[in-house]
Amino acid sequence: MKLFGMPLFHNDLWELLFKFVMDLVVLFVLIRLIYYPIHRKKDYLFTYFLFNILIFFLCVLLNNVKLSTGFAFGLFAIFSVLRYRTEQISIKDMTYLFAVIAVAVINALVSKKISIAELVFTDGMILLFTYALEHLWLTRHEAMRQLIYERIDLIKPGKREELHADLHARLGVTVSRIEIGRIDLLRDTAQLRVFYYEDEQGLAGFTEMAPDDGDD
């Protein structure tokens, strides 16, 4: 039975459901169980899950349609100009975004030439290496905060230990390293990037500056 020349039901639906469930399982483990417990960024949960689902069904539909080379390049050129410009995204977050897209494409475009064992192995390796990098190798996660610091007499190379001690007393964290940005000699202030490990004490309140896009 057809409607507008399209069959109402096709046996490929069961194959689509299997691929979609496989994709959702891998996506849930990757984002909800590995990524979120560490980074705690709820805004990205919406982006990652929806981005994955959209890419999955886009690939499934396009895989069933014969497209000319010019039309295909034009379609992906349209998607290439879409950007998230509301805020900057870190390298690790961008890596997770790429992993989400890759998982969607892999599970959507797998054909009958690929066995289920190969598909499970591929998804398993993605999860295994992601988990190993996050929890086994990169066990300590270094956070970064930017601030305006007024004691520029302590930013000299010979007073680095005093600078670390002063920031520890003010912020309540053990500073792992410091990057010095723009120095304002008129106001006797300097822009600092303070790095610390998240498993240390919580960060107390201080004056935070907006990221500076200009040249130092």
N, C-alpha and C. Protein backbone atom coordinates (compact mmCIF):
# COMPACT_ATOMS: atom_id res chain seq x y z
N MET A 1 0.84 -1.19 0.00
CA MET A 1 0.00 0.00 0.00
C MET A 1 0.87 1.24 0.00
N LYS A 2 0.55 2.17 -0.90
CA LYS A 2 1.38 3.36 -1.04
C LYS A 2 0.54 4.62 -0.89
N LEU A 3 1.21 5.69 -0.48
CA LEU A 3 0.60 7.00 -0.35
C LEU A 3 1.52 8.02 -1.00
N PHE A 4 1.00 8.70 -2.04
CA PHE A 4 1.82 9.63 -2.84
C PHE A 4 3.05 8.93 -3.40
N GLY A 5 2.87 7.67 -3.77
CA GLY A 5 3.96 6.91 -4.37
C GLY A 5 4.96 6.37 -3.36
N MET A 6 4.71 6.59 -2.08
CA MET A 6 5.63 6.13 -1.05
C MET A 6 4.98 4.99 -0.27
N PRO A 7 5.73 3.91 -0.02
CA PRO A 7 5.15 2.80 0.76
C PRO A 7 4.90 3.23 2.21
N LEU A 8 3.77 2.80 2.77
CA LEU A 8 3.45 3.15 4.15
C LEU A 8 4.38 2.44 5.14
N PHE A 9 4.80 1.27 4.78
CA PHE A 9 5.68 0.51 5.68
C PHE A 9 6.70 -0.24 4.85
N HIS A 10 7.90 -0.29 5.38
CA HIS A 10 8.99 -1.00 4.69
C HIS A 10 9.76 -1.78 5.74
N ASN A 11 10.23 -2.92 5.35
CA ASN A 11 10.97 -3.76 6.28
C ASN A 11 12.27 -3.11 6.76
N ASP A 12 12.76 -2.11 6.02
CA ASP A 12 13.96 -1.42 6.45
C ASP A 12 13.74 -0.62 7.73
N LEU A 13 12.46 -0.45 8.14
CA LEU A 13 12.18 0.27 9.36
C LEU A 13 12.82 -0.40 10.57
N TRP A 14 12.82 -1.74 10.58
CA TRP A 14 13.42 -2.45 11.71
C TRP A 14 14.92 -2.23 11.74
N GLU A 15 15.53 -2.16 10.56
CA GLU A 15 16.97 -1.86 10.51
C GLU A 15 17.25 -0.45 11.01
N LEU A 16 16.37 0.50 10.66
CA LEU A 16 16.53 1.87 11.13
C LEU A 16 16.39 1.96 12.65
N LEU A 17 15.39 1.25 13.19
CA LEU A 17 15.20 1.26 14.63
C LEU A 17 16.39 0.67 15.37
N PHE A 18 16.95 -0.39 14.83
CA PHE A 18 18.13 -0.99 15.45
C PHE A 18 19.31 -0.01 15.46
N LYS A 19 19.54 0.63 14.32
CA LYS A 19 20.64 1.59 14.24
C LYS A 19 20.43 2.76 15.20
N PHE A 20 19.17 3.23 15.28
CA PHE A 20 18.88 4.39 16.12
C PHE A 20 19.06 4.04 17.60
N VAL A 21 18.60 2.86 18.00
CA VAL A 21 18.78 2.44 19.39
C VAL A 21 20.26 2.29 19.71
N MET A 22 21.02 1.72 18.80
CA MET A 22 22.45 1.56 19.00
C MET A 22 23.12 2.93 19.13
N ASP A 23 22.71 3.85 18.30
CA ASP A 23 23.26 5.21 18.35
C ASP A 23 22.93 5.89 19.67
N LEU A 24 21.69 5.76 20.15
CA LEU A 24 21.28 6.40 21.39
C LEU A 24 21.99 5.80 22.59
N VAL A 25 22.20 4.50 22.59
CA VAL A 25 22.90 3.86 23.70
C VAL A 25 24.33 4.38 23.80
N VAL A 26 25.02 4.41 22.66
CA VAL A 26 26.40 4.90 22.66
C VAL A 26 26.44 6.38 23.03
N LEU A 27 25.49 7.16 22.50
CA LEU A 27 25.44 8.59 22.80
C LEU A 27 25.20 8.84 24.28
N PHE A 28 24.28 8.07 24.88
CA PHE A 28 23.97 8.25 26.30
C PHE A 28 25.19 7.95 27.17
N VAL A 29 25.87 6.86 26.87
CA VAL A 29 27.06 6.51 27.66
C VAL A 29 28.15 7.55 27.47
N LEU A 30 28.35 8.00 26.23
CA LEU A 30 29.42 8.95 25.93
C LEU A 30 29.20 10.29 26.60
N ILE A 31 27.98 10.83 26.51
CA ILE A 31 27.70 12.19 26.99
C ILE A 31 27.21 12.20 28.44
N ARG A 32 26.22 11.36 28.74
CA ARG A 32 25.61 11.43 30.08
C ARG A 32 26.44 10.75 31.15
N LEU A 33 27.10 9.66 30.82
CA LEU A 33 27.83 8.91 31.83
C LEU A 33 29.32 9.22 31.87
N ILE A 34 29.91 9.68 30.76
CA ILE A 34 31.34 9.99 30.73
C ILE A 34 31.59 11.49 30.79
N TYR A 35 30.93 12.24 29.90
CA TYR A 35 31.19 13.68 29.79
C TYR A 35 30.57 14.48 30.93
N TYR A 36 29.27 14.31 31.17
CA TYR A 36 28.56 15.19 32.11
C TYR A 36 29.02 15.08 33.55
N PRO A 37 29.30 13.88 34.10
CA PRO A 37 29.74 13.83 35.49
C PRO A 37 31.02 14.60 35.76
N ILE A 38 31.83 14.84 34.73
CA ILE A 38 33.09 15.55 34.90
C ILE A 38 32.94 17.04 34.66
N HIS A 39 32.28 17.43 33.58
CA HIS A 39 32.24 18.82 33.15
C HIS A 39 31.01 19.57 33.63
N ARG A 40 29.90 18.90 33.90
CA ARG A 40 28.70 19.51 34.49
C ARG A 40 28.20 20.70 33.68
N LYS A 41 28.14 20.58 32.38
CA LYS A 41 27.64 21.65 31.53
C LYS A 41 26.32 21.20 30.90
N LYS A 42 25.22 21.63 31.53
CA LYS A 42 23.92 21.17 31.08
C LYS A 42 23.55 21.74 29.72
N ASP A 43 24.05 22.93 29.40
CA ASP A 43 23.72 23.53 28.12
C ASP A 43 24.20 22.67 26.95
N TYR A 44 25.34 22.03 27.13
CA TYR A 44 25.89 21.21 26.06
C TYR A 44 25.15 19.89 25.91
N LEU A 45 24.46 19.43 26.97
CA LEU A 45 23.71 18.19 26.85
C LEU A 45 22.65 18.30 25.76
N PHE A 46 21.93 19.41 25.77
CA PHE A 46 20.91 19.64 24.73
C PHE A 46 21.55 19.66 23.35
N THR A 47 22.67 20.36 23.23
CA THR A 47 23.33 20.49 21.93
C THR A 47 23.83 19.14 21.42
N TYR A 48 24.49 18.39 22.29
CA TYR A 48 25.08 17.12 21.86
C TYR A 48 24.01 16.11 21.45
N PHE A 49 22.98 15.96 22.29
CA PHE A 49 21.95 14.97 21.99
C PHE A 49 21.17 15.34 20.73
N LEU A 50 20.75 16.59 20.64
CA LEU A 50 19.97 16.99 19.48
C LEU A 50 20.81 16.99 18.22
N PHE A 51 22.07 17.43 18.33
CA PHE A 51 22.97 17.44 17.17
C PHE A 51 23.15 16.02 16.65
N ASN A 52 23.34 15.07 17.56
CA ASN A 52 23.54 13.68 17.15
C ASN A 52 22.31 13.12 16.45
N ILE A 53 21.14 13.37 17.03
CA ILE A 53 19.90 12.84 16.44
C ILE A 53 19.64 13.44 15.07
N LEU A 54 19.86 14.75 14.93
CA LEU A 54 19.66 15.40 13.64
C LEU A 54 20.60 14.85 12.58
N ILE A 55 21.88 14.71 12.94
CA ILE A 55 22.86 14.18 11.99
C ILE A 55 22.52 12.74 11.62
N PHE A 56 22.06 11.96 12.60
CA PHE A 56 21.72 10.56 12.34
C PHE A 56 20.62 10.44 11.29
N PHE A 57 19.52 11.12 11.51
CA PHE A 57 18.41 10.99 10.59
C PHE A 57 18.71 11.67 9.25
N LEU A 58 19.51 12.72 9.26
CA LEU A 58 19.92 13.34 8.01
C LEU A 58 20.72 12.36 7.16
N CYS A 59 21.64 11.64 7.81
CA CYS A 59 22.46 10.68 7.08
C CYS A 59 21.61 9.51 6.59
N VAL A 60 20.66 9.06 7.42
CA VAL A 60 19.81 7.94 7.01
C VAL A 60 18.98 8.31 5.78
N LEU A 61 18.38 9.50 5.80
CA LEU A 61 17.54 9.90 4.68
C LEU A 61 18.36 10.14 3.42
N LEU A 62 19.50 10.80 3.56
CA LEU A 62 20.33 11.07 2.39
C LEU A 62 20.96 9.79 1.85
N ASN A 63 21.15 8.81 2.73
CA ASN A 63 21.72 7.54 2.27
C ASN A 63 20.75 6.78 1.38
N ASN A 64 19.46 7.06 1.51
CA ASN A 64 18.45 6.38 0.70
C ASN A 64 18.06 7.16 -0.55
N VAL A 65 18.70 8.31 -0.77
CA VAL A 65 18.37 9.15 -1.91
C VAL A 65 19.62 9.33 -2.76
N LYS A 66 19.48 9.17 -4.05
CA LYS A 66 20.60 9.37 -4.96
C LYS A 66 20.75 10.86 -5.24
N LEU A 67 21.87 11.42 -4.83
CA LEU A 67 22.12 12.85 -5.00
C LEU A 67 23.23 13.05 -6.02
N SER A 68 23.09 14.09 -6.79
CA SER A 68 24.17 14.44 -7.70
C SER A 68 25.34 15.01 -6.89
N THR A 69 26.53 14.95 -7.47
CA THR A 69 27.71 15.42 -6.76
C THR A 69 27.61 16.91 -6.44
N GLY A 70 27.13 17.71 -7.39
CA GLY A 70 27.00 19.15 -7.15
C GLY A 70 26.00 19.47 -6.06
N PHE A 71 24.87 18.76 -6.04
CA PHE A 71 23.86 19.01 -5.01
C PHE A 71 24.38 18.62 -3.64
N ALA A 72 25.11 17.51 -3.56
CA ALA A 72 25.64 17.05 -2.28
C ALA A 72 26.65 18.04 -1.72
N PHE A 73 27.56 18.53 -2.58
CA PHE A 73 28.52 19.52 -2.12
C PHE A 73 27.83 20.81 -1.69
N GLY A 74 26.80 21.20 -2.42
CA GLY A 74 26.06 22.40 -2.05
C GLY A 74 25.35 22.26 -0.72
N LEU A 75 24.80 21.07 -0.47
CA LEU A 75 24.10 20.82 0.79
C LEU A 75 25.04 20.92 1.97
N PHE A 76 26.19 20.28 1.87
CA PHE A 76 27.14 20.32 2.98
C PHE A 76 27.80 21.69 3.10
N ALA A 77 27.85 22.44 2.02
CA ALA A 77 28.37 23.81 2.11
C ALA A 77 27.45 24.69 2.94
N ILE A 78 26.14 24.43 2.84
CA ILE A 78 25.18 25.19 3.65
C ILE A 78 25.39 24.90 5.12
N PHE A 79 25.57 23.62 5.47
CA PHE A 79 25.78 23.28 6.87
C PHE A 79 27.13 23.77 7.38
N SER A 80 28.09 23.94 6.50
CA SER A 80 29.41 24.36 6.95
C SER A 80 29.44 25.81 7.41
N VAL A 81 28.48 26.63 6.98
CA VAL A 81 28.48 28.03 7.39
C VAL A 81 27.72 28.23 8.69
N LEU A 82 27.07 27.19 9.20
CA LEU A 82 26.36 27.31 10.47
C LEU A 82 27.37 27.26 11.61
N ARG A 83 27.26 28.22 12.52
CA ARG A 83 28.19 28.28 13.64
C ARG A 83 27.44 28.62 14.91
N TYR A 84 28.05 28.18 16.03
CA TYR A 84 27.55 28.59 17.33
C TYR A 84 28.43 29.75 17.79
N ARG A 85 27.90 30.98 17.70
CA ARG A 85 28.71 32.16 17.96
C ARG A 85 28.34 32.84 19.28
N THR A 86 27.45 32.24 20.06
CA THR A 86 27.04 32.89 21.30
C THR A 86 28.17 32.89 22.33
N GLU A 87 29.00 31.88 22.36
CA GLU A 87 30.11 31.81 23.28
C GLU A 87 31.17 30.89 22.72
N GLN A 88 32.39 31.05 23.27
CA GLN A 88 33.48 30.22 22.82
C GLN A 88 33.33 28.81 23.39
N ILE A 89 33.77 27.83 22.63
CA ILE A 89 33.71 26.45 23.06
C ILE A 89 35.13 25.93 23.19
N SER A 90 35.40 25.20 24.27
CA SER A 90 36.75 24.72 24.52
C SER A 90 37.12 23.61 23.55
N ILE A 91 38.42 23.30 23.54
CA ILE A 91 38.91 22.26 22.64
C ILE A 91 38.30 20.91 23.00
N LYS A 92 38.21 20.62 24.31
CA LYS A 92 37.66 19.33 24.72
C LYS A 92 36.18 19.24 24.37
N ASP A 93 35.44 20.33 24.58
CA ASP A 93 34.02 20.32 24.22
C ASP A 93 33.85 20.14 22.72
N MET A 94 34.71 20.78 21.93
CA MET A 94 34.65 20.61 20.49
C MET A 94 34.98 19.16 20.09
N THR A 95 35.88 18.53 20.85
CA THR A 95 36.21 17.14 20.58
C THR A 95 35.01 16.23 20.84
N TYR A 96 34.29 16.50 21.93
CA TYR A 96 33.09 15.72 22.22
C TYR A 96 32.03 15.95 21.14
N LEU A 97 31.93 17.18 20.66
CA LEU A 97 30.98 17.47 19.59
C LEU A 97 31.34 16.67 18.35
N PHE A 98 32.62 16.60 18.02
CA PHE A 98 33.05 15.81 16.87
C PHE A 98 32.76 14.33 17.09
N ALA A 99 32.96 13.85 18.33
CA ALA A 99 32.68 12.44 18.63
C ALA A 99 31.20 12.14 18.49
N VAL A 100 30.35 13.07 18.92
CA VAL A 100 28.91 12.87 18.79
C VAL A 100 28.51 12.77 17.32
N ILE A 101 29.08 13.65 16.49
CA ILE A 101 28.78 13.61 15.06
C ILE A 101 29.28 12.30 14.44
N ALA A 102 30.48 11.90 14.83
CA ALA A 102 31.05 10.67 14.29
C ALA A 102 30.21 9.46 14.65
N VAL A 103 29.74 9.39 15.89
CA VAL A 103 28.91 8.27 16.31
C VAL A 103 27.62 8.22 15.50
N ALA A 104 27.02 9.38 15.27
CA ALA A 104 25.79 9.43 14.48
C ALA A 104 26.02 8.95 13.05
N VAL A 105 27.10 9.42 12.43
CA VAL A 105 27.39 9.04 11.04
C VAL A 105 27.70 7.55 10.94
N ILE A 106 28.48 7.03 11.88
CA ILE A 106 28.85 5.62 11.84
C ILE A 106 27.63 4.73 11.96
N ASN A 107 26.76 5.03 12.93
CA ASN A 107 25.60 4.17 13.16
C ASN A 107 24.51 4.37 12.11
N ALA A 108 24.51 5.51 11.43
CA ALA A 108 23.49 5.77 10.42
C ALA A 108 23.86 5.18 9.06
N LEU A 109 25.11 5.29 8.68
CA LEU A 109 25.52 4.92 7.33
C LEU A 109 26.05 3.50 7.23
N VAL A 110 26.07 2.75 8.33
CA VAL A 110 26.55 1.38 8.25
C VAL A 110 25.62 0.58 7.33
N SER A 111 26.21 -0.19 6.45
CA SER A 111 25.44 -0.94 5.46
C SER A 111 25.43 -2.42 5.82
N LYS A 112 24.74 -3.20 5.02
CA LYS A 112 24.65 -4.63 5.26
C LYS A 112 25.97 -5.33 5.00
N LYS A 113 26.91 -4.63 4.38
CA LYS A 113 28.23 -5.21 4.18
C LYS A 113 29.04 -5.24 5.48
N ILE A 114 28.60 -4.46 6.47
CA ILE A 114 29.27 -4.41 7.76
C ILE A 114 28.51 -5.29 8.73
N SER A 115 29.22 -6.16 9.42
CA SER A 115 28.57 -7.06 10.37
C SER A 115 28.24 -6.33 11.66
N ILE A 116 27.32 -6.92 12.42
CA ILE A 116 26.95 -6.34 13.71
C ILE A 116 28.16 -6.34 14.66
N ALA A 117 28.96 -7.37 14.56
CA ALA A 117 30.15 -7.45 15.41
C ALA A 117 31.10 -6.29 15.14
N GLU A 118 31.27 -5.94 13.87
CA GLU A 118 32.14 -4.81 13.52
C GLU A 118 31.56 -3.49 14.04
N LEU A 119 30.24 -3.34 13.94
CA LEU A 119 29.60 -2.11 14.43
C LEU A 119 29.74 -1.99 15.94
N VAL A 120 29.49 -3.08 16.65
CA VAL A 120 29.62 -3.06 18.11
C VAL A 120 31.07 -2.80 18.51
N PHE A 121 32.01 -3.39 17.78
CA PHE A 121 33.43 -3.18 18.08
C PHE A 121 33.82 -1.71 17.89
N THR A 122 33.34 -1.10 16.80
CA THR A 122 33.66 0.31 16.54
C THR A 122 33.10 1.22 17.62
N ASP A 123 31.82 1.04 17.95
CA ASP A 123 31.22 1.85 19.01
C ASP A 123 31.91 1.60 20.35
N GLY A 124 32.25 0.35 20.60
CA GLY A 124 32.92 0.02 21.86
C GLY A 124 34.28 0.66 21.99
N MET A 125 35.03 0.72 20.90
CA MET A 125 36.35 1.33 20.94
C MET A 125 36.25 2.85 21.18
N ILE A 126 35.24 3.49 20.59
CA ILE A 126 35.06 4.92 20.82
C ILE A 126 34.79 5.19 22.29
N LEU A 127 33.90 4.40 22.89
CA LEU A 127 33.58 4.57 24.31
C LEU A 127 34.78 4.22 25.19
N LEU A 128 35.49 3.15 24.84
CA LEU A 128 36.61 2.69 25.65
C LEU A 128 37.72 3.73 25.70
N PHE A 129 38.10 4.26 24.54
CA PHE A 129 39.19 5.22 24.51
C PHE A 129 38.77 6.55 25.14
N THR A 130 37.50 6.94 24.95
CA THR A 130 37.03 8.18 25.58
C THR A 130 37.06 8.05 27.09
N TYR A 131 36.56 6.93 27.59
CA TYR A 131 36.56 6.71 29.04
C TYR A 131 37.99 6.62 29.59
N ALA A 132 38.87 5.94 28.87
CA ALA A 132 40.25 5.79 29.33
C ALA A 132 40.96 7.13 29.40
N LEU A 133 40.75 7.98 28.40
CA LEU A 133 41.39 9.29 28.41
C LEU A 133 40.86 10.18 29.52
N GLU A 134 39.55 10.11 29.79
CA GLU A 134 38.94 10.98 30.79
C GLU A 134 39.20 10.50 32.22
N HIS A 135 39.10 9.21 32.46
CA HIS A 135 39.11 8.70 33.83
C HIS A 135 40.40 7.98 34.23
N LEU A 136 41.14 7.47 33.30
CA LEU A 136 42.34 6.70 33.65
C LEU A 136 43.62 7.47 33.39
N TRP A 137 43.72 8.10 32.23
CA TRP A 137 44.95 8.82 31.90
C TRP A 137 44.86 10.26 32.40
N LEU A 138 43.85 11.00 31.94
CA LEU A 138 43.69 12.38 32.37
C LEU A 138 42.81 12.41 33.62
N THR A 139 43.33 11.87 34.72
CA THR A 139 42.54 11.72 35.93
C THR A 139 42.32 13.05 36.65
N ARG A 140 43.23 13.99 36.49
CA ARG A 140 43.08 15.30 37.13
C ARG A 140 42.77 16.34 36.06
N HIS A 141 41.73 17.10 36.29
CA HIS A 141 41.26 18.05 35.30
C HIS A 141 41.62 19.46 35.76
N GLU A 142 42.39 20.14 34.93
CA GLU A 142 42.87 21.48 35.25
C GLU A 142 41.86 22.51 34.77
N ALA A 143 41.39 23.35 35.70
CA ALA A 143 40.46 24.42 35.37
C ALA A 143 41.24 25.73 35.25
N MET A 144 40.61 26.71 34.60
CA MET A 144 41.26 28.00 34.38
C MET A 144 40.28 29.13 34.66
N ARG A 145 40.72 30.13 35.37
CA ARG A 145 39.94 31.33 35.60
C ARG A 145 40.78 32.54 35.25
N GLN A 146 40.12 33.59 34.77
CA GLN A 146 40.79 34.83 34.42
C GLN A 146 40.44 35.90 35.44
N LEU A 147 41.40 36.71 35.82
CA LEU A 147 41.16 37.74 36.80
C LEU A 147 42.06 38.93 36.56
N ILE A 148 41.68 40.05 37.17
CA ILE A 148 42.48 41.27 37.13
C ILE A 148 43.22 41.37 38.45
N TYR A 149 44.53 41.41 38.39
CA TYR A 149 45.38 41.37 39.58
C TYR A 149 46.09 42.69 39.73
N GLU A 150 46.05 43.25 40.98
CA GLU A 150 46.58 44.60 41.18
C GLU A 150 48.01 44.62 41.72
N ARG A 151 48.50 43.51 42.24
CA ARG A 151 49.86 43.50 42.79
C ARG A 151 50.85 43.10 41.69
N ILE A 152 51.12 44.04 40.80
CA ILE A 152 51.99 43.71 39.67
C ILE A 152 53.45 43.56 40.10
N ASP A 153 53.77 43.95 41.34
CA ASP A 153 55.14 43.75 41.81
C ASP A 153 55.47 42.28 42.00
N LEU A 154 54.43 41.43 42.07
CA LEU A 154 54.64 40.00 42.27
C LEU A 154 54.68 39.20 40.97
N ILE A 155 54.49 39.87 39.84
CA ILE A 155 54.49 39.13 38.58
C ILE A 155 55.89 38.97 37.99
N LYS A 156 56.89 39.47 38.71
CA LYS A 156 58.26 39.30 38.25
C LYS A 156 58.67 37.84 38.38
N PRO A 157 59.55 37.36 37.48
CA PRO A 157 59.95 35.94 37.53
C PRO A 157 60.53 35.51 38.88
N GLY A 158 61.24 36.41 39.55
CA GLY A 158 61.87 36.04 40.82
C GLY A 158 60.90 35.95 41.98
N LYS A 159 59.66 36.40 41.81
CA LYS A 159 58.68 36.38 42.90
C LYS A 159 57.50 35.46 42.58
N ARG A 160 57.75 34.45 41.77
CA ARG A 160 56.68 33.57 41.38
C ARG A 160 56.09 32.80 42.57
N GLU A 161 56.96 32.39 43.50
CA GLU A 161 56.45 31.66 44.67
C GLU A 161 55.55 32.56 45.52
N GLU A 162 55.94 33.84 45.67
CA GLU A 162 55.11 34.77 46.43
C GLU A 162 53.77 35.01 45.73
N LEU A 163 53.80 35.05 44.41
CA LEU A 163 52.56 35.22 43.65
C LEU A 163 51.63 34.04 43.85
N HIS A 164 52.18 32.83 43.81
CA HIS A 164 51.36 31.63 44.03
C HIS A 164 50.76 31.65 45.43
N ALA A 165 51.57 32.06 46.42
CA ALA A 165 51.09 32.08 47.80
C ALA A 165 49.99 33.13 47.99
N ASP A 166 50.14 34.27 47.35
CA ASP A 166 49.13 35.32 47.48
C ASP A 166 47.81 34.90 46.83
N LEU A 167 47.89 34.28 45.65
CA LEU A 167 46.67 33.82 44.99
C LEU A 167 46.02 32.67 45.77
N HIS A 168 46.84 31.83 46.37
CA HIS A 168 46.28 30.75 47.19
C HIS A 168 45.53 31.31 48.40
N ALA A 169 46.09 32.35 49.02
CA ALA A 169 45.44 32.97 50.17
C ALA A 169 44.14 33.66 49.78
N ARG A 170 44.08 34.24 48.58
CA ARG A 170 42.90 34.98 48.15
C ARG A 170 41.81 34.06 47.58
N LEU A 171 42.24 33.10 46.79
CA LEU A 171 41.27 32.27 46.07
C LEU A 171 40.93 30.98 46.79
N GLY A 172 41.81 30.54 47.70
CA GLY A 172 41.53 29.32 48.42
C GLY A 172 41.82 28.05 47.64
N VAL A 173 42.63 28.15 46.59
CA VAL A 173 42.98 26.97 45.79
C VAL A 173 44.49 26.92 45.65
N THR A 174 44.99 25.72 45.39
CA THR A 174 46.41 25.56 45.11
C THR A 174 46.65 25.77 43.63
N VAL A 175 47.35 26.84 43.29
CA VAL A 175 47.57 27.23 41.90
C VAL A 175 48.63 26.33 41.29
N SER A 176 48.31 25.77 40.14
CA SER A 176 49.28 24.90 39.46
C SER A 176 50.20 25.70 38.54
N ARG A 177 49.64 26.68 37.84
CA ARG A 177 50.46 27.54 36.96
C ARG A 177 49.69 28.81 36.65
N ILE A 178 50.43 29.81 36.17
CA ILE A 178 49.86 31.13 35.92
C ILE A 178 50.36 31.64 34.57
N GLU A 179 49.47 32.23 33.80
CA GLU A 179 49.85 32.91 32.56
C GLU A 179 49.53 34.39 32.71
N ILE A 180 50.51 35.23 32.40
CA ILE A 180 50.35 36.67 32.54
C ILE A 180 49.98 37.27 31.19
N GLY A 181 48.87 38.02 31.17
CA GLY A 181 48.41 38.65 29.94
C GLY A 181 48.81 40.11 29.86
N ARG A 182 47.86 40.95 29.50
CA ARG A 182 48.15 42.38 29.31
C ARG A 182 48.40 43.05 30.64
N ILE A 183 49.40 43.93 30.70
CA ILE A 183 49.76 44.68 31.90
C ILE A 183 49.39 46.15 31.69
N ASP A 184 48.62 46.72 32.61
CA ASP A 184 48.22 48.13 32.57
C ASP A 184 49.04 48.87 33.62
N LEU A 185 50.11 49.57 33.17
CA LEU A 185 50.97 50.28 34.09
C LEU A 185 50.32 51.54 34.65
N LEU A 186 49.33 52.09 33.95
CA LEU A 186 48.63 53.27 34.46
C LEU A 186 47.78 52.93 35.68
N ARG A 187 47.17 51.76 35.66
CA ARG A 187 46.32 51.34 36.78
C ARG A 187 47.02 50.34 37.70
N ASP A 188 48.24 49.97 37.36
CA ASP A 188 49.00 48.99 38.15
C ASP A 188 48.22 47.67 38.29
N THR A 189 47.72 47.18 37.17
CA THR A 189 47.00 45.92 37.16
C THR A 189 47.51 45.04 36.03
N ALA A 190 47.28 43.76 36.16
CA ALA A 190 47.67 42.80 35.14
C ALA A 190 46.57 41.76 34.99
N GLN A 191 46.41 41.26 33.79
CA GLN A 191 45.44 40.21 33.51
C GLN A 191 46.13 38.86 33.66
N LEU A 192 45.59 38.03 34.54
CA LEU A 192 46.18 36.72 34.82
C LEU A 192 45.22 35.62 34.44
N ARG A 193 45.78 34.53 33.98
CA ARG A 193 45.04 33.28 33.81
C ARG A 193 45.57 32.31 34.85
N VAL A 194 44.73 31.99 35.80
CA VAL A 194 45.12 31.14 36.93
C VAL A 194 44.61 29.72 36.68
N PHE A 195 45.51 28.77 36.70
CA PHE A 195 45.16 27.36 36.48
C PHE A 195 45.25 26.61 37.80
N TYR A 196 44.26 25.75 38.03
CA TYR A 196 44.23 24.96 39.25
C TYR A 196 43.49 23.67 38.96
N TYR A 197 43.69 22.68 39.80
CA TYR A 197 43.04 21.39 39.62
C TYR A 197 41.70 21.38 40.34
N GLU A 198 40.70 20.82 39.68
CA GLU A 198 39.34 20.85 40.21
C GLU A 198 39.16 20.03 41.47
N ASP A 199 40.07 19.12 41.74
CA ASP A 199 39.93 18.33 42.96
C ASP A 199 40.49 19.05 44.18
N GLU A 200 40.97 20.30 43.98
CA GLU A 200 41.41 21.10 45.10
C GLU A 200 40.20 21.81 45.72
N GLN A 201 40.45 22.74 46.64
CA GLN A 201 39.38 23.44 47.32
C GLN A 201 38.60 24.31 46.35
N GLY A 202 37.36 24.66 46.74
CA GLY A 202 36.50 25.50 45.90
C GLY A 202 37.06 26.89 45.75
N LEU A 203 36.64 27.53 44.66
CA LEU A 203 37.13 28.86 44.34
C LEU A 203 36.28 29.92 45.01
N ALA A 204 36.93 30.82 45.73
CA ALA A 204 36.22 31.91 46.39
C ALA A 204 35.93 33.01 45.40
N GLY A 205 35.13 33.97 45.81
CA GLY A 205 34.75 35.04 44.89
C GLY A 205 35.87 36.01 44.63
N PHE A 206 35.99 36.50 43.40
CA PHE A 206 36.97 37.51 43.03
C PHE A 206 36.50 38.19 41.77
N THR A 207 37.17 39.27 41.42
CA THR A 207 36.81 40.03 40.24
C THR A 207 37.26 39.29 39.00
N GLU A 208 36.33 38.97 38.12
CA GLU A 208 36.64 38.22 36.91
C GLU A 208 36.50 39.13 35.71
N MET A 209 37.41 38.98 34.76
CA MET A 209 37.37 39.83 33.59
C MET A 209 36.81 39.06 32.41
N ALA A 210 36.31 39.77 31.43
CA ALA A 210 35.84 39.15 30.21
C ALA A 210 37.04 38.79 29.34
N PRO A 211 36.96 37.74 28.54
CA PRO A 211 38.05 37.36 27.67
C PRO A 211 38.43 38.51 26.74
N ASP A 212 39.74 38.70 26.57
CA ASP A 212 40.24 39.79 25.74
C ASP A 212 40.63 39.27 24.39
N ASP A 213 39.96 39.77 23.35
CA ASP A 213 40.25 39.31 21.99
C ASP A 213 41.37 40.08 21.34
N GLY A 214 41.82 41.16 21.97
CA GLY A 214 42.86 41.98 21.38
C GLY A 214 44.23 41.40 21.58
N ASP A 215 45.23 41.98 20.92
CA ASP A 215 46.60 41.55 21.04
C ASP A 215 47.19 42.11 22.31
N ASP A 216 48.03 41.32 22.97
CA ASP A 216 48.69 41.78 24.19
C ASP A 216 49.78 42.79 23.83
